[in-house]
Amino acid sequence: MNEQRTVLLAGGTGLVGGLMLEGLLADPQVATAHALSRRALSISHPKLCVHLVDFSRLPELPHVDEVYLALGTTIKVAGSQGAFRAVDLDANLAVARAAASAGARRVGLVSAAGADSRSSMFYNRVKGELEDALKAMDLTALVLAQPSLLLDKREGLSQPPRLGERIAIPIAKLLAPLLPGTYRPVYGRAVAQALLRTVPSGQGLIVLSSDELIRIGASRP
């Protein structure tokens, strides 16, 4: 694939989103990277165009070829299930629809293992509802990354500490060889790289579980 692409990213201040932004800016086939954010980014680059937006009232977007969705929060940070839903579902879906109106037919989403709109668990249900809404769109490619526990430390991301992750990560590293592939812990860079390598040329619906993210994201280009 030799054509220059114009891409859009929502969630560039987060762990996986930040790594995807780095990858997009380093990709010689990306001509322009538009980043939607609620706050200023700490990175600048000649082909980066940052748009400070209210995700509940998005402006008309410039033409883009593909979009990467990495907006996310926690219920603790959001303050309520409704506020969590507004970010993880509503904001991501609004960006996808606005990007589709601007020409995008390829979408990559940072979802989660266990995403299922019929789940009794609120978190998994919201993730699944977003996946279902994206599946209903007219797209050339939809790539759903479903990582299990992310092994990265989040220092430097202006995010509050996650006690549960601090406890779970060392245990997950020890148990990783024994866990089913779908629930194998994965580093954020592997998730980012797997999406960046799959979205530009993928066709149809592609679901990448943790083991596939590790295989694709850790392989050499």
Protein backbone atom coordinates (compact mmCIF):
# COMPACT_ATOMS: atom_id res chain seq x y z
CA MET A 1 0.00 0.00 0.00
CA ASN A 2 1.80 3.13 -1.29
CA GLU A 3 -0.94 5.79 -1.21
CA GLN A 4 -0.55 8.61 1.28
CA ARG A 5 -3.25 8.41 3.92
CA THR A 6 -4.98 10.97 6.09
CA VAL A 7 -5.92 9.54 9.47
CA LEU A 8 -7.89 10.54 12.54
CA LEU A 9 -7.24 9.50 16.15
CA ALA A 10 -9.41 10.06 19.20
CA GLY A 11 -7.81 9.31 22.56
CA GLY A 12 -4.19 10.30 21.96
CA THR A 13 -3.60 11.22 25.63
CA GLY A 14 -4.24 7.66 26.79
CA LEU A 15 -1.90 4.67 26.96
CA VAL A 16 -2.70 2.84 23.72
CA GLY A 17 -3.87 6.00 21.94
CA GLY A 18 -0.57 7.74 22.66
CA LEU A 19 1.37 4.79 21.28
CA MET A 20 -0.81 4.74 18.18
CA LEU A 21 -0.20 8.45 17.67
CA GLU A 22 3.56 7.88 17.82
CA GLY A 23 3.24 5.11 15.25
CA LEU A 24 1.07 7.16 12.90
CA LEU A 25 3.47 10.10 12.98
CA ALA A 26 6.39 7.76 12.24
CA ASP A 27 4.59 6.11 9.31
CA PRO A 28 5.86 7.55 5.99
CA GLN A 29 2.55 6.58 4.34
CA VAL A 30 0.60 8.88 6.67
CA ALA A 31 0.44 12.38 5.20
CA THR A 32 -1.61 14.01 7.96
CA ALA A 33 -2.71 12.80 11.39
CA HIS A 34 -5.69 14.62 12.89
CA ALA A 35 -6.01 14.15 16.66
CA LEU A 36 -9.23 14.95 18.50
CA SER A 37 -8.72 15.77 22.17
CA ARG A 38 -10.36 17.53 25.10
CA ARG A 39 -7.00 18.95 26.14
CA ALA A 40 -3.72 19.94 24.53
CA LEU A 41 -1.28 17.19 23.62
CA SER A 42 2.32 17.18 24.83
CA ILE A 43 3.59 16.24 21.37
CA SER A 44 4.09 18.32 18.24
CA HIS A 45 4.96 17.17 14.72
CA PRO A 46 4.83 18.69 11.22
CA LYS A 47 2.07 16.34 10.12
CA LEU A 48 0.05 16.43 13.35
CA CYS A 49 -3.08 18.58 13.47
CA VAL A 50 -4.68 18.75 16.92
CA HIS A 51 -8.37 19.66 17.27
CA LEU A 52 -9.57 20.58 20.77
CA VAL A 53 -13.19 19.48 20.83
CA ASP A 54 -16.24 18.76 22.92
CA PHE A 55 -17.05 15.16 22.01
CA SER A 56 -20.74 15.74 22.65
CA ARG A 57 -20.77 18.47 19.98
CA LEU A 58 -18.23 17.57 17.34
CA PRO A 59 -17.54 20.02 14.52
CA GLU A 60 -17.48 18.95 10.88
CA LEU A 61 -14.28 17.00 10.36
CA PRO A 62 -11.75 17.24 7.52
CA HIS A 63 -11.55 14.42 4.98
CA VAL A 64 -9.92 11.30 6.45
CA ASP A 65 -9.29 7.79 5.15
CA GLU A 66 -9.26 5.90 8.44
CA VAL A 67 -10.05 6.49 12.10
CA TYR A 68 -8.65 5.03 15.33
CA LEU A 69 -10.83 5.08 18.45
CA ALA A 70 -9.07 4.95 21.82
CA LEU A 71 -11.25 7.06 24.09
CA GLY A 72 -11.79 5.49 27.48
CA THR A 73 -12.13 6.13 31.18
CA THR A 74 -13.04 4.27 34.36
CA ILE A 75 -16.22 4.51 36.41
CA LYS A 76 -14.13 5.83 39.33
CA VAL A 77 -12.72 8.67 37.23
CA ALA A 78 -15.98 9.34 35.37
CA GLY A 79 -17.98 9.39 38.60
CA SER A 80 -20.99 7.38 37.45
CA GLN A 81 -22.06 4.70 35.00
CA GLY A 82 -23.75 7.36 32.87
CA ALA A 83 -20.59 9.44 32.65
CA PHE A 84 -18.55 6.33 31.82
CA ARG A 85 -20.98 5.44 29.06
CA ALA A 86 -20.77 8.98 27.66
CA VAL A 87 -17.05 8.52 27.05
CA ASP A 88 -16.56 4.86 26.23
CA LEU A 89 -19.64 4.49 24.04
CA ASP A 90 -21.15 7.84 23.05
CA ALA A 91 -17.94 9.77 22.35
CA ASN A 92 -16.26 6.95 20.40
CA LEU A 93 -19.40 6.37 18.34
CA ALA A 94 -19.81 10.09 17.64
CA VAL A 95 -16.24 10.24 16.33
CA ALA A 96 -16.75 7.16 14.17
CA ARG A 97 -19.91 8.58 12.61
CA ALA A 98 -18.38 12.02 12.05
CA ALA A 99 -15.30 10.43 10.50
CA ALA A 100 -17.48 8.27 8.24
CA SER A 101 -19.25 11.44 7.09
CA ALA A 102 -15.79 12.83 6.32
CA GLY A 103 -14.91 9.84 4.13
CA ALA A 104 -13.45 7.26 6.51
CA ARG A 105 -14.30 3.66 5.67
CA ARG A 106 -11.72 1.99 7.90
CA VAL A 107 -12.07 1.98 11.69
CA GLY A 108 -9.84 0.59 14.42
CA LEU A 109 -11.18 0.36 17.98
CA VAL A 110 -9.46 -0.30 21.30
CA SER A 111 -12.16 -2.43 22.93
CA ALA A 112 -11.73 -5.08 25.64
CA ALA A 113 -11.74 -8.81 26.22
CA GLY A 114 -15.23 -9.95 27.13
CA ALA A 115 -17.01 -7.17 25.23
CA ASP A 116 -20.61 -8.33 24.82
CA SER A 117 -23.76 -6.21 24.57
CA ARG A 118 -25.68 -8.98 26.40
CA SER A 119 -23.24 -9.21 29.30
CA SER A 120 -24.48 -8.82 32.87
CA MET A 121 -21.30 -6.84 33.61
CA PHE A 122 -21.78 -3.14 32.91
CA TYR A 123 -18.24 -2.56 31.60
CA ASN A 124 -18.37 -5.47 29.14
CA ARG A 125 -21.89 -4.55 28.08
CA VAL A 126 -20.95 -0.97 27.17
CA LYS A 127 -17.92 -2.19 25.21
CA GLY A 128 -20.14 -4.67 23.38
CA GLU A 129 -22.80 -2.06 22.59
CA LEU A 130 -20.14 0.12 20.96
CA GLU A 131 -18.85 -2.81 18.91
CA ASP A 132 -22.40 -3.62 17.74
CA ALA A 133 -23.04 0.01 16.72
CA LEU A 134 -19.82 0.09 14.69
CA LYS A 135 -20.68 -3.22 13.03
CA ALA A 136 -23.90 -1.62 11.77
CA MET A 137 -21.98 1.09 9.89
CA ASP A 138 -21.09 0.90 6.19
CA LEU A 139 -17.35 0.25 6.47
CA THR A 140 -14.67 -1.40 4.35
CA ALA A 141 -12.85 -2.59 7.44
CA LEU A 142 -13.63 -2.68 11.16
CA VAL A 143 -10.82 -3.91 13.39
CA LEU A 144 -11.75 -4.61 17.02
CA ALA A 145 -8.80 -4.98 19.37
CA GLN A 146 -9.92 -6.88 22.49
CA PRO A 147 -6.97 -6.82 24.90
CA SER A 148 -7.12 -8.40 28.31
CA LEU A 149 -5.13 -6.79 31.13
CA LEU A 150 -2.61 -4.19 29.90
CA LEU A 151 0.80 -4.75 31.47
CA ASP A 152 2.10 -1.18 31.13
CA LYS A 153 2.66 1.30 33.93
CA ARG A 154 0.67 4.52 33.49
CA GLU A 155 3.03 7.01 35.10
CA GLY A 156 3.33 10.17 33.04
CA LEU A 157 -0.17 9.87 31.56
CA SER A 158 -1.87 12.22 34.06
CA GLN A 159 -4.10 9.33 35.12
CA PRO A 160 -4.90 8.39 38.72
CA PRO A 161 -3.26 5.21 40.02
CA ARG A 162 -5.22 1.99 39.50
CA LEU A 163 -4.68 -0.13 42.60
CA GLY A 164 -6.32 -3.17 41.07
CA GLU A 165 -3.92 -3.13 38.12
CA ARG A 166 -0.90 -2.73 40.41
CA ILE A 167 -1.91 -5.89 42.21
CA ALA A 168 -3.01 -7.84 39.13
CA ILE A 169 -0.10 -7.10 36.78
CA PRO A 170 2.65 -8.99 38.68
CA ILE A 171 0.32 -11.96 39.13
CA ALA A 172 -0.72 -11.87 35.46
CA LYS A 173 2.91 -11.89 34.33
CA LEU A 174 3.53 -15.07 36.31
CA LEU A 175 0.35 -16.77 35.12
CA ALA A 176 0.47 -15.59 31.49
CA PRO A 177 1.74 -18.92 30.06
CA LEU A 178 -1.17 -20.74 31.72
CA LEU A 179 -3.96 -18.36 30.66
CA PRO A 180 -6.14 -18.94 27.57
CA GLY A 181 -4.99 -16.80 24.65
CA THR A 182 -8.06 -14.56 24.82
CA TYR A 183 -7.21 -13.54 28.38
CA ARG A 184 -3.44 -13.38 28.10
CA PRO A 185 -2.09 -10.03 29.37
CA VAL A 186 -0.61 -7.78 26.70
CA TYR A 187 1.51 -4.65 26.47
CA GLY A 188 -0.11 -1.51 25.11
CA ARG A 189 2.48 -1.18 22.35
CA ALA A 190 1.46 -4.57 20.94
CA VAL A 191 -2.17 -3.43 20.87
CA ALA A 192 -1.24 -0.19 19.13
CA GLN A 193 1.03 -1.87 16.59
CA ALA A 194 -1.51 -4.58 15.80
CA LEU A 195 -4.15 -1.98 14.98
CA LEU A 196 -1.76 0.15 12.93
CA ARG A 197 -0.70 -2.90 10.91
CA THR A 198 -4.21 -4.25 10.36
CA VAL A 199 -6.52 -1.29 9.74
CA PRO A 200 -4.93 0.14 6.54
CA SER A 201 -5.27 -3.07 4.51
CA GLY A 202 -7.86 -5.15 6.40
CA GLN A 203 -11.16 -6.20 4.87
CA GLY A 204 -14.48 -6.70 6.64
CA LEU A 205 -14.78 -7.42 10.37
CA ILE A 206 -11.55 -8.40 12.11
CA VAL A 207 -11.53 -9.22 15.83
CA LEU A 208 -8.12 -9.37 17.48
CA SER A 209 -8.00 -11.11 20.86
CA SER A 210 -5.05 -10.74 23.23
CA ASP A 211 -3.02 -13.61 21.76
CA GLU A 212 -3.49 -12.24 18.24
CA LEU A 213 -2.54 -8.74 19.40
CA ILE A 214 0.65 -10.16 20.89
CA ARG A 215 1.45 -12.11 17.72
CA ILE A 216 0.79 -9.26 15.29
CA GLY A 217 1.98 -6.40 17.48
CA ALA A 218 5.22 -8.03 18.55
CA SER A 219 6.18 -9.19 15.03
CA ARG A 220 8.61 -7.19 12.96
CA PRO A 221 7.18 -5.07 10.13
